[in-house]
Each structure stands twice: as C-alpha cells, then as structure tokens.
PDB file of N, CA and C in Angstrom:
ATOM      1  N   MET A   1      71.099 105.226 179.729  1.00  0.00           N
ATOM      2  CA  MET A   1      71.873 106.072 178.674  1.00  0.00           C
ATOM      3  C   MET A   1      72.231 107.858 178.570  1.00  0.00           C
ATOM      4  N   GLU A   2      70.718 108.401 178.941  1.00  0.00           N
ATOM      5  CA  GLU A   2      70.754 109.504 179.282  1.00  0.00           C
ATOM      6  C   GLU A   2      71.253 109.784 180.212  1.00  0.00           C
ATOM      7  N   MET A   3      71.567 109.042 181.645  1.00  0.00           N
ATOM      8  CA  MET A   3      72.263 109.037 182.814  1.00  0.00           C
ATOM      9  C   MET A   3      73.935 109.366 182.015  1.00  0.00           C
ATOM     10  N   GLN A   4      74.385 108.337 182.000  1.00  0.00           N
ATOM     11  CA  GLN A   4      75.452 108.913 181.573  1.00  0.00           C
ATOM     12  C   GLN A   4      75.633 110.169 180.547  1.00  0.00           C
ATOM     13  N   MET A   5      75.251 110.348 179.564  1.00  0.00           N
ATOM     14  CA  MET A   5      75.503 111.839 178.869  1.00  0.00           C
ATOM     15  C   MET A   5      75.539 112.785 179.776  1.00  0.00           C
ATOM     16  N   LYS A   6      74.459 112.655 180.600  1.00  0.00           N
ATOM     17  CA  LYS A   6      74.359 114.119 181.597  1.00  0.00           C
ATOM     18  C   LYS A   6      75.840 113.955 182.286  1.00  0.00           C
ATOM     19  N   GLU A   7      76.166 112.690 183.228  1.00  0.00           N
ATOM     20  CA  GLU A   7      77.378 112.998 183.736  1.00  0.00           C
ATOM     21  C   GLU A   7      78.678 113.384 183.191  1.00  0.00           C
ATOM     22  N   MET A   8      78.882 112.494 182.101  1.00  0.00           N
ATOM     23  CA  MET A   8      79.765 113.163 180.778  1.00  0.00           C
ATOM     24  C   MET A   8      80.120 114.496 181.009  1.00  0.00           C
ATOM     25  N   MET A   9      78.757 114.995 180.381  1.00  0.00           N
ATOM     26  CA  MET A   9      78.912 116.693 180.425  1.00  0.00           C
ATOM     27  C   MET A   9      79.276 117.234 181.514  1.00  0.00           C
ATOM     28  N   ASP A  10      78.673 117.002 182.635  1.00  0.00           N
ATOM     29  CA  ASP A  10      78.787 117.199 184.026  1.00  0.00           C
ATOM     30  C   ASP A  10      80.300 117.281 184.071  1.00  0.00           C
ATOM     31  N   ALA A  11      80.992 116.354 183.974  1.00  0.00           N
ATOM     32  CA  ALA A  11      82.364 115.935 183.795  1.00  0.00           C
ATOM     33  C   ALA A  11      83.038 116.991 182.824  1.00  0.00           C
ATOM     34  N   MET A  12      82.724 116.848 182.008  1.00  0.00           N
ATOM     35  CA  MET A  12      83.384 117.666 181.230  1.00  0.00           C
ATOM     36  C   MET A  12      83.022 119.367 181.270  1.00  0.00           C
ATOM     37  N   LEU A  13      81.830 119.888 181.612  1.00  0.00           N
ATOM     38  CA  LEU A  13      81.986 121.136 182.325  1.00  0.00           C
ATOM     39  C   LEU A  13      83.129 121.541 183.465  1.00  0.00           C
ATOM     40  N   ASN A  14      82.842 120.825 184.319  1.00  0.00           N
ATOM     41  CA  ASN A  14      83.485 120.536 185.735  1.00  0.00           C
ATOM     42  C   ASN A  14      85.434 120.980 185.008  1.00  0.00           C
ATOM     43  N   GLN A  15      85.559 120.355 184.255  1.00  0.00           N
ATOM     44  CA  GLN A  15      87.025 120.206 183.659  1.00  0.00           C
ATOM     45  C   GLN A  15      87.602 121.097 183.355  1.00  0.00           C
ATOM     46  N   GLN A  16      86.260 122.289 182.380  1.00  0.00           N
ATOM     47  CA  GLN A  16      86.278 123.410 181.891  1.00  0.00           C
ATOM     48  C   GLN A  16      86.595 124.617 183.081  1.00  0.00           C
ATOM     49  N   LYS A  17      85.456 124.165 183.691  1.00  0.00           N
ATOM     50  CA  LYS A  17      85.184 124.873 185.430  1.00  0.00           C
ATOM     51  C   LYS A  17      86.769 125.307 185.787  1.00  0.00           C
ATOM     52  N   VAL A  18      87.589 124.102 186.029  1.00  0.00           N
ATOM     53  CA  VAL A  18      89.276 123.784 186.642  1.00  0.00           C
ATOM     54  C   VAL A  18      90.429 124.531 185.628  1.00  0.00           C
ATOM     55  N   GLN A  19      90.285 124.316 184.470  1.00  0.00           N
ATOM     56  CA  GLN A  19      90.821 124.853 183.406  1.00  0.00           C
ATOM     57  C   GLN A  19      90.689 126.375 183.322  1.00  0.00           C
ATOM     58  N   MET A  20      89.681 126.945 183.955  1.00  0.00           N
ATOM     59  CA  MET A  20      89.221 128.242 183.624  1.00  0.00           C
ATOM     60  C   MET A  20      89.731 128.961 184.866  1.00  0.00           C
ATOM     61  N   GLU A  21      89.558 128.557 186.076  1.00  0.00           N
ATOM     62  CA  GLU A  21      90.542 129.015 186.940  1.00  0.00           C
ATOM     63  C   GLU A  21      91.749 128.541 186.794  1.00  0.00           C
ATOM     64  N   MET A  22      92.579 127.643 187.169  1.00  0.00           N
ATOM     65  CA  MET A  22      93.723 127.841 186.256  1.00  0.00           C
ATOM     66  C   MET A  22      94.493 128.669 185.692  1.00  0.00           C
ATOM     67  N   GLN A  23      93.703 128.990 184.661  1.00  0.00           N
ATOM     68  CA  GLN A  23      93.775 130.232 183.515  1.00  0.00           C
ATOM     69  C   GLN A  23      93.821 131.646 184.209  1.00  0.00           C
ATOM     70  N   SER A  24      92.784 131.288 185.176  1.00  0.00           N
ATOM     71  CA  SER A  24      93.221 132.777 185.812  1.00  0.00           C
ATOM     72  C   SER A  24      93.975 132.943 186.745  1.00  0.00           C
ATOM     73  N   THR A  25      94.487 131.824 187.395  1.00  0.00           N
ATOM     74  CA  THR A  25      95.452 131.607 188.731  1.00  0.00           C
ATOM     75  C   THR A  25      96.956 132.279 187.790  1.00  0.00           C
ATOM     76  N   ILE A  26      97.027 131.666 186.641  1.00  0.00           N
ATOM     77  CA  ILE A  26      98.933 131.760 186.284  1.00  0.00           C
ATOM     78  C   ILE A  26      98.598 133.484 185.471  1.00  0.00           C
ATOM     79  N   GLN A  27      96.797 133.624 185.353  1.00  0.00           N
ATOM     80  CA  GLN A  27      97.076 135.383 184.732  1.00  0.00           C
ATOM     81  C   GLN A  27      97.466 136.177 185.846  1.00  0.00           C
ATOM     82  N   ALA A  28      96.905 135.636 187.120  1.00  0.00           N
ATOM     83  CA  ALA A  28      96.693 136.636 188.074  1.00  0.00           C
ATOM     84  C   ALA A  28      98.655 136.378 188.168  1.00  0.00           C
ATOM     85  N   GLN A  29      99.345 135.371 188.301  1.00  0.00           N
ATOM     86  CA  GLN A  29     101.025 135.344 188.879  1.00  0.00           C
ATOM     87  C   GLN A  29     101.572 136.365 187.597  1.00  0.00           C
ATOM     88  N   GLN A  30     100.787 136.067 186.492  1.00  0.00           N
ATOM     89  CA  GLN A  30     101.966 136.735 185.335  1.00  0.00           C
ATOM     90  C   GLN A  30     101.950 138.464 185.632  1.00  0.00           C
ATOM     91  N   ALA A  31     100.654 138.781 186.013  1.00  0.00           N
ATOM     92  CA  ALA A  31     100.453 140.214 185.872  1.00  0.00           C
ATOM     93  C   ALA A  31     101.062 140.291 186.905  1.00  0.00           C
ATOM     94  N   ARG A  32     101.233 139.882 188.328  1.00  0.00           N
ATOM     95  CA  ARG A  32     102.257 140.053 189.682  1.00  0.00           C
ATOM     96  C   ARG A  32     103.551 140.293 189.221  1.00  0.00           C
ATOM     97  N   ILE A  33     104.031 139.399 187.946  1.00  0.00           N
ATOM     98  CA  ILE A  33     105.090 139.700 188.449  1.00  0.00           C
ATOM     99  C   ILE A  33     105.733 140.397 187.127  1.00  0.00           C
ATOM    100  N   GLU A  34     104.595 140.801 186.146  1.00  0.00           N
ATOM    101  CA  GLU A  34     104.905 142.222 185.449  1.00  0.00           C
ATOM    102  C   GLU A  34     104.997 143.536 186.038  1.00  0.00           C
ATOM    103  N   GLN A  35     104.110 143.060 187.013  1.00  0.00           N
ATOM    104  CA  GLN A  35     104.217 144.250 187.984  1.00  0.00           C
ATOM    105  C   GLN A  35     105.648 144.631 188.898  1.00  0.00           C
ATOM    106  N   LEU A  36     106.319 143.141 189.123  1.00  0.00           N
ATOM    107  CA  LEU A  36     107.397 143.659 190.056  1.00  0.00           C
ATOM    108  C   LEU A  36     108.665 143.878 189.116  1.00  0.00           C
ATOM    109  N   GLU A  37     108.169 143.143 188.195  1.00  0.00           N
ATOM    110  CA  GLU A  37     109.558 143.871 187.068  1.00  0.00           C
ATOM    111  C   GLU A  37     109.728 145.084 186.729  1.00  0.00           C
ATOM    112  N   SER A  38     108.068 145.670 186.564  1.00  0.00           N
ATOM    113  CA  SER A  38     107.904 147.105 186.461  1.00  0.00           C
ATOM    114  C   SER A  38     108.758 148.370 187.560  1.00  0.00           C
ATOM    115  N   GLN A  39     107.588 148.004 188.553  1.00  0.00           N
ATOM    116  CA  GLN A  39     108.775 148.475 189.731  1.00  0.00           C
ATOM    117  C   GLN A  39     110.061 148.165 190.028  1.00  0.00           C
ATOM    118  N   GLN A  40     110.857 146.767 189.785  1.00  0.00           N
ATOM    119  CA  GLN A  40     112.583 146.303 189.304  1.00  0.00           C
ATOM    120  C   GLN A  40     112.645 148.234 188.683  1.00  0.00           C
ATOM    121  N   ALA A  41     112.595 147.901 187.204  1.00  0.00           N
ATOM    122  CA  ALA A  41     113.043 148.873 186.324  1.00  0.00           C
ATOM    123  C   ALA A  41     112.796 150.484 186.728  1.00  0.00           C
ATOM    124  N   MET A  42     112.048 150.434 187.834  1.00  0.00           N
ATOM    125  CA  MET A  42     111.868 151.776 188.223  1.00  0.00           C
ATOM    126  C   MET A  42     112.724 152.411 189.470  1.00  0.00           C
ATOM    127  N   GLY A  43     113.377 150.989 190.224  1.00  0.00           N
ATOM    128  CA  GLY A  43     114.117 151.292 191.277  1.00  0.00           C
ATOM    129  C   GLY A  43     113.129 151.106 192.516  1.00  0.00           C
ATOM    130  N   GLY A  44     111.759 150.376 192.252  1.00  0.00           N
ATOM    131  CA  GLY A  44     110.951 150.580 193.622  1.00  0.00           C
ATOM    132  C   GLY A  44     111.369 149.455 194.581  1.00  0.00           C
ATOM    133  N   LEU A  45     110.754 148.621 195.425  1.00  0.00           N
ATOM    134  CA  LEU A  45     110.814 147.859 196.563  1.00  0.00           C
ATOM    135  C   LEU A  45     110.590 146.711 195.923  1.00  0.00           C
ATOM    136  N   VAL A  46     111.471 145.976 195.904  1.00  0.00           N
ATOM    137  CA  VAL A  46     111.030 144.151 195.431  1.00  0.00           C
ATOM    138  C   VAL A  46     111.388 143.369 196.635  1.00  0.00           C
ATOM    139  N   ALA A  47     111.210 143.538 197.840  1.00  0.00           N
ATOM    140  CA  ALA A  47     112.247 142.795 198.920  1.00  0.00           C
ATOM    141  C   ALA A  47     111.652 142.046 198.903  1.00  0.00           C
ATOM    142  N   PRO A  48     110.051 141.343 199.250  1.00  0.00           N
ATOM    143  CA  PRO A  48     109.685 140.505 199.544  1.00  0.00           C
ATOM    144  C   PRO A  48     109.899 139.189 198.394  1.00  0.00           C
ATOM    145  N   ALA A  49     110.142 139.846 197.297  1.00  0.00           N
ATOM    146  CA  ALA A  49     110.396 138.740 195.961  1.00  0.00           C
ATOM    147  C   ALA A  49     111.629 138.334 196.169  1.00  0.00           C
ATOM    148  N   ALA A  50     112.857 139.050 196.725  1.00  0.00           N
ATOM    149  CA  ALA A  50     114.248 138.687 196.523  1.00  0.00           C
ATOM    150  C   ALA A  50     113.802 137.814 197.959  1.00  0.00           C
ATOM    151  N   THR A  51     113.670 138.164 198.845  1.00  0.00           N
ATOM    152  CA  THR A  51     114.095 137.635 200.161  1.00  0.00           C
ATOM    153  C   THR A  51     112.981 135.673 199.574  1.00  0.00           C
ATOM    154  N   HIS A  52     111.619 135.872 198.834  1.00  0.00           N
ATOM    155  CA  HIS A  52     111.022 134.680 198.877  1.00  0.00           C
ATOM    156  C   HIS A  52     112.503 133.907 197.966  1.00  0.00           C
ATOM    157  N   VAL A  53     113.128 134.147 196.835  1.00  0.00           N
ATOM    158  CA  VAL A  53     114.094 133.556 196.466  1.00  0.00           C
ATOM    159  C   VAL A  53     114.974 133.126 197.250  1.00  0.00           C
ATOM    160  N   HIS A  54     115.434 133.666 197.736  1.00  0.00           N
ATOM    161  CA  HIS A  54     116.482 133.666 198.204  1.00  0.00           C
ATOM    162  C   HIS A  54     115.935 132.231 199.671  1.00  0.00           C
ATOM    163  N   SER A  55     115.810 132.346 200.506  1.00  0.00           N
ATOM    164  CA  SER A  55     114.908 131.412 200.976  1.00  0.00           C
ATOM    165  C   SER A  55     114.954 129.936 200.469  1.00  0.00           C
ATOM    166  N   GLN A  56     114.106 130.044 199.430  1.00  0.00           N
ATOM    167  CA  GLN A  56     114.122 129.150 198.507  1.00  0.00           C
ATOM    168  C   GLN A  56     115.882 128.078 198.435  1.00  0.00           C
ATOM    169  N   GLN A  57     116.671 129.435 197.652  1.00  0.00           N
ATOM    170  CA  GLN A  57     117.783 128.905 197.550  1.00  0.00           C
ATOM    171  C   GLN A  57     118.784 128.155 198.181  1.00  0.00           C
ATOM    172  N   GLN A  58     118.528 128.414 199.821  1.00  0.00           N
ATOM    173  CA  GLN A  58     119.208 128.225 201.544  1.00  0.00           C
ATOM    174  C   GLN A  58     118.240 126.918 201.787  1.00  0.00           C
ATOM    175  N   SER A  59     117.411 126.648 201.511  1.00  0.00           N
ATOM    176  CA  SER A  59     116.896 124.965 201.989  1.00  0.00           C
ATOM    177  C   SER A  59     116.895 124.594 200.887  1.00  0.00           C
ATOM    178  N   HIS A  60     117.267 124.580 198.979  1.00  0.00           N
ATOM    179  CA  HIS A  60     118.101 124.138 198.412  1.00  0.00           C
ATOM    180  C   HIS A  60     119.648 123.484 199.033  1.00  0.00           C
ATOM    181  N   ALA A  61     120.175 124.380 199.513  1.00  0.00           N
ATOM    182  CA  ALA A  61     121.721 124.259 199.364  1.00  0.00           C
ATOM    183  C   ALA A  61     121.552 123.619 200.840  1.00  0.00           C
ATOM    184  N   TYR A  62     120.777 124.005 201.881  1.00  0.00           N
ATOM    185  CA  TYR A  62     120.825 122.734 203.243  1.00  0.00           C
ATOM    186  C   TYR A  62     120.578 121.333 203.106  1.00  0.00           C
ATOM    187  N   THR A  63     119.161 120.978 202.044  1.00  0.00           N
ATOM    188  CA  THR A  63     119.358 119.816 202.104  1.00  0.00           C
ATOM    189  C   THR A  63     120.178 118.921 201.041  1.00  0.00           C
ATOM    190  N   SER A  64     121.245 119.934 200.115  1.00  0.00           N
ATOM    191  CA  SER A  64     122.470 118.950 199.084  1.00  0.00           C
ATOM    192  C   SER A  64     123.179 118.917 200.159  1.00  0.00           C
ATOM    193  N   SER A  65     123.686 119.786 201.118  1.00  0.00           N
ATOM    194  CA  SER A  65     125.204 119.319 202.417  1.00  0.00           C
ATOM    195  C   SER A  65     124.445 118.834 203.342  1.00  0.00           C
ATOM    196  N   PHE A  66     123.290 118.496 203.389  1.00  0.00           N
ATOM    197  CA  PHE A  66     122.482 117.128 204.548  1.00  0.00           C
ATOM    198  C   PHE A  66     122.483 116.009 203.786  1.00  0.00           C
ATOM    199  N   ASN A  67     122.632 115.431 202.476  1.00  0.00           N
ATOM    200  CA  ASN A  67     122.914 114.456 201.359  1.00  0.00           C
ATOM    201  C   ASN A  67     124.390 114.107 201.777  1.00  0.00           C
ATOM    202  N   CYS A  68     125.210 115.183 201.405  1.00  0.00           N
ATOM    203  CA  CYS A  68     126.633 114.736 201.557  1.00  0.00           C
ATOM    204  C   CYS A  68     126.998 114.499 202.792  1.00  0.00           C
ATOM    205  N   HIS A  69     126.846 114.602 203.737  1.00  0.00           N
ATOM    206  CA  HIS A  69     126.789 114.619 204.802  1.00  0.00           C
ATOM    207  C   HIS A  69     126.554 113.413 204.861  1.00  0.00           C
ATOM    208  N   ARG A  70     125.586 112.595 204.748  1.00  0.00           N
ATOM    209  CA  ARG A  70     124.937 111.475 205.001  1.00  0.00           C
ATOM    210  C   ARG A  70     125.570 110.750 204.717  1.00  0.00           C
ATOM    211  N   SER A  71     125.873 110.812 203.224  1.00  0.00           N
ATOM    212  CA  SER A  71     126.717 109.976 202.232  1.00  0.00           C
ATOM    213  C   SER A  71     127.957 109.405 202.855  1.00  0.00           C
ATOM    214  N   SER A  72     128.771 110.855 203.041  1.00  0.00           N
ATOM    215  CA  SER A  72     129.842 110.273 204.124  1.00  0.00           C
ATOM    216  C   SER A  72     129.932 109.333 205.602  1.00  0.00           C
ATOM    217  N   GLU A  73     129.034 109.629 205.767  1.00  0.00           N
ATOM    218  CA  GLU A  73     128.572 109.206 207.214  1.00  0.00           C
ATOM    219  C   GLU A  73     128.922 107.514 206.937  1.00  0.00           C
ATOM    220  N   GLU A  74     127.757 107.010 205.428  1.00  0.00           N
ATOM    221  CA  GLU A  74     127.696 105.815 204.960  1.00  0.00           C
ATOM    222  C   GLU A  74     129.240 105.240 204.848  1.00  0.00           C
ATOM    223  N   VAL A  75     129.520 105.740 204.007  1.00  0.00           N
ATOM    224  CA  VAL A  75     131.295 105.124 204.019  1.00  0.00           C
ATOM    225  C   VAL A  75     131.922 105.017 204.395  1.00  0.00           C
ATOM    226  N   SER A  76     132.114 106.217 205.857  1.00  0.00           N
ATOM    227  CA  SER A  76     132.823 105.498 207.031  1.00  0.00           C
ATOM    228  C   SER A  76     132.235 104.327 207.727  1.00  0.00           C
ATOM    229  N   LYS A  77     131.348 104.460 207.809  1.00  0.00           N
ATOM    230  CA  LYS A  77     130.686 102.631 208.175  1.00  0.00           C
ATOM    231  C   LYS A  77     130.982 101.908 207.774  1.00  0.00           C
ATOM    232  N   SER A  78     131.128 101.562 206.369  1.00  0.00           N
ATOM    233  CA  SER A  78     131.508 100.379 205.837  1.00  0.00           C
ATOM    234  C   SER A  78     133.412 100.397 205.898  1.00  0.00           C
TER     235      SER A  78
END
C-alpha cells in the first residue's frame, strides 16, 4: 500500500515538474513575442519572424494546391 502511495506522489511531482517546464517555455515565448513587437514598434529588424511566417504560409498554399490537383486527376480518370 505504501509503495502505491509513493508511486502516486512521484507521478504527481513529475506532472508538476512538466507543467512548470511548459509554463516557463510559454513565458519565454511570450517574452520573445513582446520583444519582437517592441522592436517592430521602434522600427527595428524583425526579418527572421517575418520570413518564418511567410514560409509557413507558402507550405500551406503548396499542400492545398497539391490537393486540388490530385482531386482533379481523380475526376478525369472516372
């Protein structure tokens, strides 16, 4: 019985640790975003962020056009 209690406590502590780590990661990201926004407000260089967003949009557009192409091929087969 005591072993089970200890295991449960360990599991809870582990979960807390993971949550703390996640929170610190989120906080770090928020701080980074705020930093980028303040740089943007001052007219600083925010090139990396802009290119990152652009590349994501590009890949999304690529996949959607690929899907359209594939579906039109299937239609022409039948």
